[in-house]
Amino acid sequence: MFSVNSLGFLCFLAVLTPLWFVTRPGRRWQLMLAANLVFYLSIDVPGLFVMLASALVVWLSARHAAPGAASAGRWFSLGLFAALAPLLALKYYGMAAETANSLFGLSLWDGAGLPQPLGLAYFSLQLVSYLVDVRRGTLSAEPCFARVLCYASFFFSITQGPFNRYGTLMPQLDAPTRFDSRRLWRGAMRCAWGYFKKYAVAERAAVVVSAAFAAPQDLDRSQLIFGAVMYSFQLYADFSGYTYIVLGAGEILGLALPENFRQPFLAATVRELWSRWHISLSQWFRDYVYIPLGGNRRGAARRDGNLGGTFLASGLWHGANWTFVVWGGLHGLIQAVENHLPWRKRITKFPLRLAGIAGTFLIFVFTFTIFRADSLPDALEYFRCIALNGGTHVFSEYWELGLTSRLDIVLLLGGIAALVAVDILHECGVHLRDAIAASPLPVRWLVYECAIFAFLLMGKFLSDGGFLYARF
């Protein structure tokens, strides 16, 4: 099994890297396709057939959907259906059936046992972007089905992104890049920082979050607030950690994959937050939902409605649960309100920016608490317990949050402090990889040894190690 945080993935990458550089550039996409299929088959054999069928119909439809082609509209509709039907049927049927049963007293099958192909939500949207770009005339239809399949199954981002565009990714697979030891070290450092985020922050925060959300009625207010804040850091460290690993691995091969995070907790508004958080998804919804709906070209009221619709769709994309719909709707609503605030520009500049950062983080914690809850009643119960439960024993009764000692708390807070400090440095234009690379060799090796020691000391390795966004 080659999940990104497994030893198998590192071995897989170690085998792929030399093969990549000895393969003729024009054939590298074929090597990548083979790697994609091996990766996918190691995790989800049945899901491969869903992706194959969807990609095949989209490829065929795109060849007949270019501007000016006969029956282009019908072919385009067929391609959209092929890209989105598996997502709608397999991921959302259960939610629709459960809602219909509750509202109308029906007895529809709840969809239990439906397969959930690996990366379904990702390859579906990537196929949509390819088809739409061909339809718009910004991309030529690809005559070779295998190349479209390579794009759809790209193993670096099939499970959690970032979202790639066909016209950006595939030319890189054909580019005559050569092995570069400096690029290897830079990619390895990026991967290492991703693993630190995952094991030193996300895995330890997960213990607190699981305990807090499992039985909020048994915890006091301070513990519940701490659990909600820890979920925000868990999600950020987990998701951005994965992204850093795959971007670093891509960098080793000479592939520039889309950046997905840019210090999101330093955003001063929710609008700015979404230019920093899950950037590739935000850009996808902007280009393929918000702008086609009219964007901001048809007046303020229409713009606000388009924002709301786009974020409702984004919420639904994250999962078949009303918690995600409410979460998406709130983010759309808040941005619409922001657009009408007279101080919306001043809040992004110092010194008011500090207040904006604090307010945006509080909104993030509040909305993502709903995002984390198993259902809307569970989310309401969590907030009710915060409002009504007394006490301030978060650090004195740490064992109730699953922590084994005060050292656990220190390591958790230390990992978060390191995460925030690096983000602040990046925000100030100080990039640690560049600084390390420019240092004398003894200094570099001292930094490496200290980093390894910190990772082994602070990491929490005895857990299932799954990534949160893999389930979306």
Protein backbone atom coordinates (compact mmCIF):
# COMPACT_ATOMS: atom_id res chain seq x y z
CA MET A 1 0.00 0.00 0.00
CA PHE A 2 1.52 3.34 -1.10
CA SER A 3 -0.31 5.94 0.96
CA VAL A 4 1.76 9.12 1.13
CA ASN A 5 2.73 8.74 4.79
CA SER A 6 3.81 5.10 4.48
CA LEU A 7 7.26 3.61 4.08
CA GLY A 8 5.95 2.08 0.87
CA PHE A 9 5.48 5.54 -0.64
CA LEU A 10 9.08 6.53 0.11
CA CYS A 11 10.33 3.30 -1.45
CA PHE A 12 8.02 3.86 -4.42
CA LEU A 13 9.38 7.38 -4.89
CA ALA A 14 12.97 6.11 -4.52
CA VAL A 15 12.37 3.68 -7.39
CA LEU A 16 10.48 6.16 -9.56
CA THR A 17 13.05 8.97 -9.30
CA PRO A 18 15.99 7.29 -11.09
CA LEU A 19 13.64 5.76 -13.64
CA TRP A 20 12.23 9.24 -14.31
CA PHE A 21 15.58 10.75 -15.18
CA VAL A 22 16.80 7.86 -17.35
CA THR A 23 13.55 7.85 -19.32
CA ARG A 24 13.41 9.91 -22.50
CA PRO A 25 11.30 13.07 -21.86
CA GLY A 26 8.76 12.15 -24.53
CA ARG A 27 8.11 8.86 -22.72
CA ARG A 28 7.98 10.12 -19.17
CA TRP A 29 4.23 10.58 -19.21
CA GLN A 30 3.95 6.84 -19.91
CA LEU A 31 6.17 6.09 -16.91
CA MET A 32 3.98 8.40 -14.81
CA LEU A 33 0.85 6.65 -16.06
CA ALA A 34 2.30 3.31 -15.00
CA ALA A 35 3.20 4.76 -11.59
CA ASN A 36 -0.32 6.18 -11.24
CA LEU A 37 -1.91 2.83 -11.96
CA VAL A 38 0.38 0.94 -9.59
CA PHE A 39 -0.35 3.51 -6.85
CA TYR A 40 -4.10 3.37 -7.44
CA LEU A 41 -4.22 -0.43 -7.63
CA SER A 42 -2.30 -0.69 -4.35
CA ILE A 43 -5.18 1.07 -2.58
CA ASP A 44 -8.44 0.67 -4.54
CA VAL A 45 -8.79 -1.89 -7.35
CA PRO A 46 -12.58 -1.55 -7.93
CA GLY A 47 -12.35 2.24 -7.95
CA LEU A 48 -9.99 2.14 -10.91
CA PHE A 49 -12.79 0.90 -13.18
CA VAL A 50 -15.01 3.85 -12.20
CA MET A 51 -12.22 6.29 -13.02
CA LEU A 52 -11.41 4.49 -16.29
CA ALA A 53 -15.03 4.62 -17.48
CA SER A 54 -15.45 8.27 -16.50
CA ALA A 55 -12.16 9.34 -18.12
CA LEU A 56 -12.92 7.39 -21.31
CA VAL A 57 -16.28 9.07 -21.89
CA VAL A 58 -14.87 12.53 -21.04
CA TRP A 59 -11.96 12.01 -23.46
CA LEU A 60 -14.31 10.91 -26.24
CA SER A 61 -16.73 13.76 -25.54
CA ALA A 62 -13.98 16.37 -25.52
CA ARG A 63 -12.90 15.31 -29.01
CA HIS A 64 -16.36 16.27 -30.28
CA ALA A 65 -17.07 19.23 -27.96
CA ALA A 66 -14.61 21.80 -29.34
CA PRO A 67 -16.16 25.16 -30.43
CA GLY A 68 -17.78 24.87 -33.85
CA ALA A 69 -17.94 21.07 -33.88
CA ALA A 70 -21.20 19.41 -34.93
CA SER A 71 -23.35 18.41 -31.93
CA ALA A 72 -20.73 19.94 -29.66
CA GLY A 73 -23.31 20.84 -27.01
CA ARG A 74 -24.62 17.29 -26.77
CA TRP A 75 -21.14 15.82 -26.51
CA PHE A 76 -20.28 18.38 -23.86
CA SER A 77 -23.37 17.45 -21.83
CA LEU A 78 -22.48 13.77 -22.13
CA GLY A 79 -18.96 14.46 -20.91
CA LEU A 80 -20.19 16.47 -17.94
CA PHE A 81 -22.56 13.67 -17.05
CA ALA A 82 -19.76 11.11 -17.23
CA ALA A 83 -17.50 13.24 -15.03
CA LEU A 84 -20.09 14.11 -12.40
CA ALA A 85 -22.54 11.18 -12.37
CA PRO A 86 -20.25 8.84 -10.37
CA LEU A 87 -19.66 11.62 -7.83
CA LEU A 88 -23.37 12.41 -7.49
CA ALA A 89 -24.52 8.80 -7.45
CA LEU A 90 -21.88 7.22 -5.23
CA LYS A 91 -21.17 10.07 -2.83
CA TYR A 92 -24.49 11.87 -2.47
CA TYR A 93 -27.21 9.27 -3.02
CA GLY A 94 -27.22 8.27 0.66
CA MET A 95 -27.64 11.88 1.82
CA ALA A 96 -30.45 12.49 -0.67
CA ALA A 97 -32.24 9.27 0.28
CA GLU A 98 -31.96 9.96 4.00
CA THR A 99 -33.30 13.49 3.55
CA ALA A 100 -36.21 12.28 1.39
CA ASN A 101 -37.04 9.56 3.92
CA SER A 102 -37.12 12.12 6.75
CA LEU A 103 -39.14 14.77 4.91
CA PHE A 104 -41.63 12.61 3.05
CA GLY A 105 -41.80 9.42 5.11
CA LEU A 106 -40.34 7.31 2.33
CA SER A 107 -38.37 4.10 2.64
CA LEU A 108 -35.68 4.63 0.05
CA TRP A 109 -32.53 2.53 0.18
CA ASP A 110 -29.93 4.48 2.15
CA GLY A 111 -27.09 3.60 -0.20
CA ALA A 112 -25.21 1.52 2.36
CA GLY A 113 -22.44 -0.42 0.68
CA LEU A 114 -22.00 1.87 -2.31
CA PRO A 115 -18.34 1.98 -3.34
CA GLN A 116 -16.38 5.18 -2.73
CA PRO A 117 -13.58 5.15 -5.32
CA LEU A 118 -10.25 6.60 -4.27
CA GLY A 119 -10.01 10.27 -5.21
CA LEU A 120 -13.55 10.38 -6.63
CA ALA A 121 -14.09 14.03 -5.69
CA TYR A 122 -10.72 14.98 -7.18
CA PHE A 123 -10.59 13.17 -10.50
CA SER A 124 -14.21 14.14 -11.21
CA LEU A 125 -13.48 17.86 -10.96
CA GLN A 126 -10.21 17.54 -12.86
CA LEU A 127 -12.03 15.83 -15.72
CA VAL A 128 -14.63 18.61 -15.66
CA SER A 129 -11.90 21.26 -15.93
CA TYR A 130 -10.32 19.46 -18.90
CA LEU A 131 -13.65 19.14 -20.69
CA VAL A 132 -14.67 22.76 -20.03
CA ASP A 133 -11.28 24.09 -21.16
CA VAL A 134 -11.64 22.19 -24.43
CA ARG A 135 -15.18 23.46 -24.85
CA ARG A 136 -14.03 27.05 -24.25
CA GLY A 137 -11.27 26.66 -26.80
CA THR A 138 -8.47 27.37 -24.32
CA LEU A 139 -7.19 23.80 -24.68
CA SER A 140 -6.97 21.47 -27.66
CA ALA A 141 -8.66 18.11 -27.32
CA GLU A 142 -6.14 15.38 -26.55
CA PRO A 143 -6.12 12.65 -29.25
CA CYS A 144 -4.55 10.05 -26.93
CA PHE A 145 -6.82 8.62 -24.25
CA ALA A 146 -3.88 7.36 -22.18
CA ARG A 147 -2.66 10.93 -21.61
CA VAL A 148 -6.06 12.01 -20.29
CA LEU A 149 -6.04 8.97 -18.02
CA CYS A 150 -2.55 9.91 -16.83
CA TYR A 151 -3.84 13.38 -15.97
CA ALA A 152 -6.94 12.09 -14.16
CA SER A 153 -5.05 9.48 -12.14
CA PHE A 154 -1.97 11.58 -11.26
CA PHE A 155 -0.92 9.82 -8.07
CA PHE A 156 0.65 12.81 -6.32
CA SER A 157 -2.73 14.51 -5.97
CA ILE A 158 -5.37 11.83 -6.59
CA THR A 159 -6.34 11.58 -2.91
CA GLN A 160 -6.18 15.17 -1.62
CA GLY A 161 -5.08 17.46 -4.40
CA PRO A 162 -3.85 19.95 -5.23
CA PHE A 163 -6.06 20.28 -8.29
CA ASN A 164 -4.09 20.35 -11.53
CA ARG A 165 -5.02 21.76 -14.91
CA TYR A 166 -4.34 19.62 -17.96
CA GLY A 167 -2.59 22.42 -19.81
CA THR A 168 -0.23 23.00 -16.90
CA LEU A 169 0.54 19.47 -15.74
CA MET A 170 0.95 17.42 -18.91
CA PRO A 171 3.57 19.66 -20.61
CA GLN A 172 5.70 19.29 -17.48
CA LEU A 173 5.67 15.51 -17.90
CA ASP A 174 7.20 16.00 -21.35
CA ALA A 175 9.77 18.63 -20.31
CA PRO A 176 13.47 17.68 -20.59
CA THR A 177 14.32 18.25 -16.92
CA ARG A 178 17.59 16.82 -15.62
CA PHE A 179 18.55 15.53 -12.21
CA ASP A 180 19.62 18.31 -9.87
CA SER A 181 21.03 17.49 -6.42
CA ARG A 182 20.11 20.93 -5.10
CA ARG A 183 16.52 20.43 -6.22
CA LEU A 184 16.59 17.00 -4.58
CA TRP A 185 17.57 18.52 -1.23
CA ARG A 186 15.03 21.31 -1.52
CA GLY A 187 12.28 18.81 -2.31
CA ALA A 188 13.39 16.58 0.56
CA MET A 189 13.30 19.53 2.98
CA ARG A 190 9.77 20.37 1.86
CA CYS A 191 8.72 16.75 2.35
CA ALA A 192 10.34 16.71 5.80
CA TRP A 193 8.41 19.81 6.88
CA GLY A 194 5.23 18.14 5.66
CA TYR A 195 5.94 15.04 7.75
CA PHE A 196 6.69 17.24 10.77
CA LYS A 197 3.32 18.95 10.39
CA LYS A 198 1.59 15.62 10.13
CA TYR A 199 3.25 13.73 12.99
CA ALA A 200 4.35 16.47 15.38
CA VAL A 201 1.17 18.58 15.20
CA ALA A 202 -1.77 16.89 13.47
CA GLU A 203 -1.45 13.43 15.06
CA ARG A 204 -1.11 14.78 18.61
CA ALA A 205 -3.88 17.34 18.10
CA ALA A 206 -6.09 14.51 16.81
CA VAL A 207 -6.07 12.91 20.27
CA VAL A 208 -7.49 16.08 21.85
CA VAL A 209 -10.03 16.62 19.07
CA SER A 210 -11.35 13.05 19.18
CA ALA A 211 -11.85 13.23 22.95
CA ALA A 212 -13.54 16.64 22.80
CA PHE A 213 -16.01 15.76 20.04
CA ALA A 214 -16.74 12.26 21.37
CA ALA A 215 -18.36 13.42 24.62
CA PRO A 216 -18.66 17.21 24.90
CA GLN A 217 -21.15 16.93 27.74
CA ASP A 218 -18.43 15.42 29.96
CA LEU A 219 -15.94 18.27 29.47
CA ASP A 220 -15.78 21.83 30.71
CA ARG A 221 -15.91 24.99 28.62
CA SER A 222 -12.15 25.49 28.45
CA GLN A 223 -11.58 21.93 27.27
CA LEU A 224 -14.21 22.25 24.55
CA ILE A 225 -12.81 25.56 23.30
CA PHE A 226 -9.33 24.03 23.35
CA GLY A 227 -10.63 21.04 21.36
CA ALA A 228 -12.24 23.29 18.73
CA VAL A 229 -9.05 25.34 18.34
CA MET A 230 -6.97 22.17 18.15
CA TYR A 231 -9.17 20.88 15.34
CA SER A 232 -8.36 23.98 13.29
CA PHE A 233 -4.64 23.36 13.78
CA GLN A 234 -5.05 19.62 13.24
CA LEU A 235 -6.80 20.17 9.92
CA TYR A 236 -4.29 22.77 8.76
CA ALA A 237 -1.24 20.73 9.79
CA ASP A 238 -2.70 17.51 8.37
CA PHE A 239 -3.83 18.90 5.02
CA SER A 240 -0.93 21.27 4.39
CA GLY A 241 1.45 18.56 5.60
CA TYR A 242 0.18 16.22 2.89
CA THR A 243 0.46 19.01 0.34
CA TYR A 244 4.05 19.77 1.32
CA ILE A 245 4.96 16.09 0.96
CA VAL A 246 3.58 15.76 -2.57
CA LEU A 247 4.88 19.17 -3.68
CA GLY A 248 8.31 18.23 -2.38
CA ALA A 249 8.18 14.88 -4.14
CA GLY A 250 7.12 16.62 -7.34
CA GLU A 251 9.95 19.12 -6.96
CA ILE A 252 12.45 16.25 -6.84
CA LEU A 253 11.21 15.19 -10.28
CA GLY A 254 11.23 18.76 -11.56
CA LEU A 255 7.43 19.16 -11.43
CA ALA A 256 5.99 22.49 -10.22
CA LEU A 257 2.64 21.51 -8.72
CA PRO A 258 0.11 24.15 -7.60
CA GLU A 259 0.64 25.69 -4.17
CA ASN A 260 -2.35 24.93 -1.99
CA PHE A 261 -1.67 26.96 1.17
CA ARG A 262 -0.20 30.38 1.86
CA GLN A 263 -0.25 31.13 5.59
CA PRO A 264 -4.07 30.94 5.87
CA PHE A 265 -4.19 31.76 9.59
CA LEU A 266 -2.65 35.16 8.80
CA ALA A 267 -5.64 36.16 6.64
CA ALA A 268 -7.44 39.31 7.78
CA THR A 269 -10.80 38.56 6.09
CA VAL A 270 -12.68 35.44 5.07
CA ARG A 271 -12.28 36.45 1.44
CA GLU A 272 -8.53 36.60 1.93
CA LEU A 273 -8.65 33.29 3.80
CA TRP A 274 -9.96 31.58 0.67
CA SER A 275 -7.10 32.98 -1.37
CA ARG A 276 -4.76 31.23 1.09
CA TRP A 277 -6.59 28.00 2.05
CA HIS A 278 -7.02 25.07 -0.38
CA ILE A 279 -6.05 27.51 -3.11
CA SER A 280 -6.39 25.10 -6.03
CA LEU A 281 -9.96 24.18 -5.04
CA SER A 282 -10.87 27.85 -4.56
CA GLN A 283 -9.53 28.62 -8.03
CA TRP A 284 -11.43 25.69 -9.50
CA PHE A 285 -14.75 26.89 -8.08
CA ARG A 286 -13.94 30.46 -9.16
CA ASP A 287 -13.22 29.45 -12.77
CA TYR A 288 -15.84 26.76 -13.27
CA VAL A 289 -18.73 27.80 -11.00
CA TYR A 290 -18.52 31.43 -9.81
CA ILE A 291 -17.52 33.06 -13.13
CA PRO A 292 -19.97 30.99 -15.25
CA LEU A 293 -22.74 32.05 -12.84
CA GLY A 294 -21.90 35.65 -13.67
CA GLY A 295 -19.22 36.41 -11.08
CA ASN A 296 -19.34 40.06 -10.07
CA ARG A 297 -20.35 41.37 -13.48
CA ARG A 298 -24.10 41.74 -12.88
CA GLY A 299 -24.42 43.90 -9.81
CA ALA A 300 -23.89 43.50 -6.09
CA ALA A 301 -26.99 41.41 -5.40
CA ARG A 302 -26.17 38.91 -8.15
CA ARG A 303 -22.54 38.81 -6.99
CA ASP A 304 -23.62 37.95 -3.44
CA GLY A 305 -25.95 35.25 -4.73
CA ASN A 306 -23.18 33.80 -6.89
CA LEU A 307 -20.86 33.73 -3.89
CA GLY A 308 -23.47 31.93 -1.83
CA GLY A 309 -24.17 29.38 -4.55
CA THR A 310 -20.48 28.74 -5.13
CA PHE A 311 -19.74 28.11 -1.47
CA LEU A 312 -22.80 25.92 -1.04
CA ALA A 313 -21.44 23.81 -3.90
CA SER A 314 -18.01 23.84 -2.26
CA GLY A 315 -19.52 22.69 1.01
CA LEU A 316 -21.41 19.89 -0.69
CA TRP A 317 -18.24 18.82 -2.51
CA HIS A 318 -16.59 18.19 0.84
CA GLY A 319 -19.09 15.53 1.83
CA ALA A 320 -22.62 14.21 1.85
CA ASN A 321 -23.64 15.78 5.14
CA TRP A 322 -25.68 18.86 5.99
CA THR A 323 -22.83 20.05 8.23
CA PHE A 324 -20.76 20.71 5.10
CA VAL A 325 -23.62 22.52 3.39
CA VAL A 326 -24.12 24.81 6.40
CA TRP A 327 -20.36 25.35 6.65
CA GLY A 328 -20.15 26.33 2.97
CA GLY A 329 -23.23 28.54 3.21
CA LEU A 330 -21.78 30.41 6.19
CA HIS A 331 -18.54 31.12 4.35
CA GLY A 332 -20.45 32.42 1.35
CA LEU A 333 -22.72 34.54 3.57
CA ILE A 334 -19.82 36.02 5.53
CA GLN A 335 -18.00 37.00 2.34
CA ALA A 336 -21.16 38.59 0.96
CA VAL A 337 -21.47 40.63 4.16
CA GLU A 338 -17.79 41.58 4.00
CA ASN A 339 -18.31 43.03 0.54
CA HIS A 340 -20.67 45.65 2.03
CA LEU A 341 -18.61 46.67 5.05
CA PRO A 342 -17.14 50.18 4.76
CA TRP A 343 -13.90 49.15 6.51
CA ARG A 344 -13.30 45.98 4.47
CA LYS A 345 -10.09 47.38 2.94
CA ARG A 346 -8.75 49.09 6.04
CA ILE A 347 -8.94 45.86 8.04
CA THR A 348 -6.30 44.32 5.75
CA LYS A 349 -3.69 46.96 6.65
CA PHE A 350 -1.73 47.40 9.86
CA PRO A 351 -2.48 47.99 12.67
CA LEU A 352 -6.13 46.97 12.09
CA ARG A 353 -4.89 43.87 10.28
CA LEU A 354 -4.08 42.27 13.63
CA ALA A 355 -7.74 42.56 14.65
CA GLY A 356 -8.76 41.18 11.26
CA ILE A 357 -6.47 38.17 11.68
CA ALA A 358 -7.89 37.43 15.14
CA GLY A 359 -11.49 37.80 13.93
CA THR A 360 -10.95 35.64 10.85
CA PHE A 361 -9.34 32.91 12.95
CA LEU A 362 -12.34 32.93 15.32
CA ILE A 363 -14.68 32.57 12.32
CA PHE A 364 -12.52 29.71 11.07
CA VAL A 365 -12.69 27.90 14.41
CA PHE A 366 -16.46 28.42 14.71
CA THR A 367 -17.34 27.27 11.19
CA PHE A 368 -14.92 24.36 11.17
CA THR A 369 -16.37 23.11 14.44
CA ILE A 370 -19.59 22.59 12.46
CA PHE A 371 -17.47 21.05 9.69
CA ARG A 372 -15.99 18.54 12.17
CA ALA A 373 -19.25 17.49 13.84
CA ASP A 374 -20.92 14.30 12.68
CA SER A 375 -24.29 16.03 12.28
CA LEU A 376 -25.97 19.38 12.81
CA PRO A 377 -27.50 18.26 16.15
CA ASP A 378 -24.02 17.22 17.29
CA ALA A 379 -22.64 20.63 16.31
CA LEU A 380 -25.43 22.37 18.24
CA GLU A 381 -24.76 20.16 21.24
CA TYR A 382 -21.08 21.07 21.15
CA PHE A 383 -21.87 24.79 21.14
CA ARG A 384 -24.50 24.30 23.85
CA CYS A 385 -21.92 22.64 26.08
CA ILE A 386 -19.47 25.49 25.48
CA ALA A 387 -22.16 27.97 26.54
CA LEU A 388 -23.42 26.08 29.59
CA ASN A 389 -20.60 23.94 30.95
CA GLY A 390 -18.46 25.72 33.50
CA GLY A 391 -14.86 25.14 34.49
CA THR A 392 -11.37 26.02 33.33
CA HIS A 393 -9.52 22.75 33.76
CA VAL A 394 -8.06 22.27 30.30
CA PHE A 395 -4.46 22.06 31.51
CA SER A 396 -4.99 20.61 34.99
CA GLU A 397 -7.19 17.72 33.83
CA TYR A 398 -5.43 17.06 30.56
CA TRP A 399 -6.00 13.28 30.72
CA GLU A 400 -9.68 13.85 29.95
CA LEU A 401 -8.55 15.00 26.49
CA GLY A 402 -6.56 11.82 25.91
CA LEU A 403 -3.17 13.31 26.76
CA THR A 404 -0.89 11.14 28.88
CA SER A 405 1.22 13.83 30.56
CA ARG A 406 1.93 17.55 30.70
CA LEU A 407 4.83 16.84 28.34
CA ASP A 408 2.21 15.90 25.75
CA ILE A 409 0.68 19.36 26.09
CA VAL A 410 4.08 21.04 25.87
CA LEU A 411 4.99 19.08 22.73
CA LEU A 412 1.63 19.85 21.13
CA LEU A 413 1.84 23.57 21.84
CA GLY A 414 5.51 23.57 20.82
CA GLY A 415 4.66 22.02 17.47
CA ILE A 416 1.94 24.61 16.89
CA ALA A 417 4.33 27.39 17.87
CA ALA A 418 6.85 26.12 15.30
CA LEU A 419 4.11 25.94 12.67
CA VAL A 420 2.97 29.52 13.34
CA ALA A 421 6.54 30.84 13.54
CA VAL A 422 7.45 29.42 10.13
CA ASP A 423 4.26 30.88 8.63
CA ILE A 424 5.10 34.30 10.06
CA LEU A 425 8.61 34.10 8.64
CA HIS A 426 7.22 33.16 5.22
CA GLU A 427 4.73 36.00 5.43
CA CYS A 428 7.65 38.35 6.09
CA GLY A 429 9.49 37.03 3.04
CA VAL A 430 11.98 34.86 4.92
CA HIS A 431 12.05 31.37 3.35
CA LEU A 432 13.87 28.88 5.52
CA ARG A 433 14.78 26.51 2.70
CA ASP A 434 16.63 29.31 0.92
CA ALA A 435 18.34 30.36 4.15
CA ILE A 436 19.43 26.79 4.93
CA ALA A 437 20.64 26.19 1.37
CA ALA A 438 22.75 29.37 1.51
CA SER A 439 24.39 28.40 4.81
CA PRO A 440 27.87 26.84 5.11
CA LEU A 441 27.92 23.04 5.06
CA PRO A 442 28.54 22.59 8.84
CA VAL A 443 25.62 24.89 9.61
CA ARG A 444 23.36 23.01 7.20
CA TRP A 445 24.17 19.65 8.77
CA LEU A 446 23.67 21.05 12.26
CA VAL A 447 20.22 22.25 11.19
CA TYR A 448 19.43 18.83 9.69
CA GLU A 449 20.49 17.01 12.86
CA CYS A 450 18.49 19.34 15.10
CA ALA A 451 15.45 18.95 12.85
CA ILE A 452 15.70 15.15 12.95
CA PHE A 453 16.02 15.22 16.74
CA ALA A 454 13.00 17.54 17.07
CA PHE A 455 10.96 15.36 14.73
CA LEU A 456 11.74 12.16 16.65
CA LEU A 457 11.09 13.89 19.99
CA MET A 458 7.86 15.64 19.05
CA GLY A 459 6.36 13.18 16.59
CA LYS A 460 3.47 10.91 17.52
CA PHE A 461 3.87 7.80 15.40
CA LEU A 462 1.69 5.12 17.01
CA SER A 463 -1.60 5.97 15.31
CA ASP A 464 -3.46 5.03 12.13
CA GLY A 465 -1.83 8.01 10.39
CA GLY A 466 -4.66 8.60 7.92
CA PHE A 467 -5.10 12.04 6.34
CA LEU A 468 -8.30 13.95 7.09
CA TYR A 469 -8.95 15.20 3.57
CA ALA A 470 -8.61 11.71 2.10
CA ARG A 471 -12.24 11.10 3.08
CA PHE A 472 -13.47 14.02 0.97
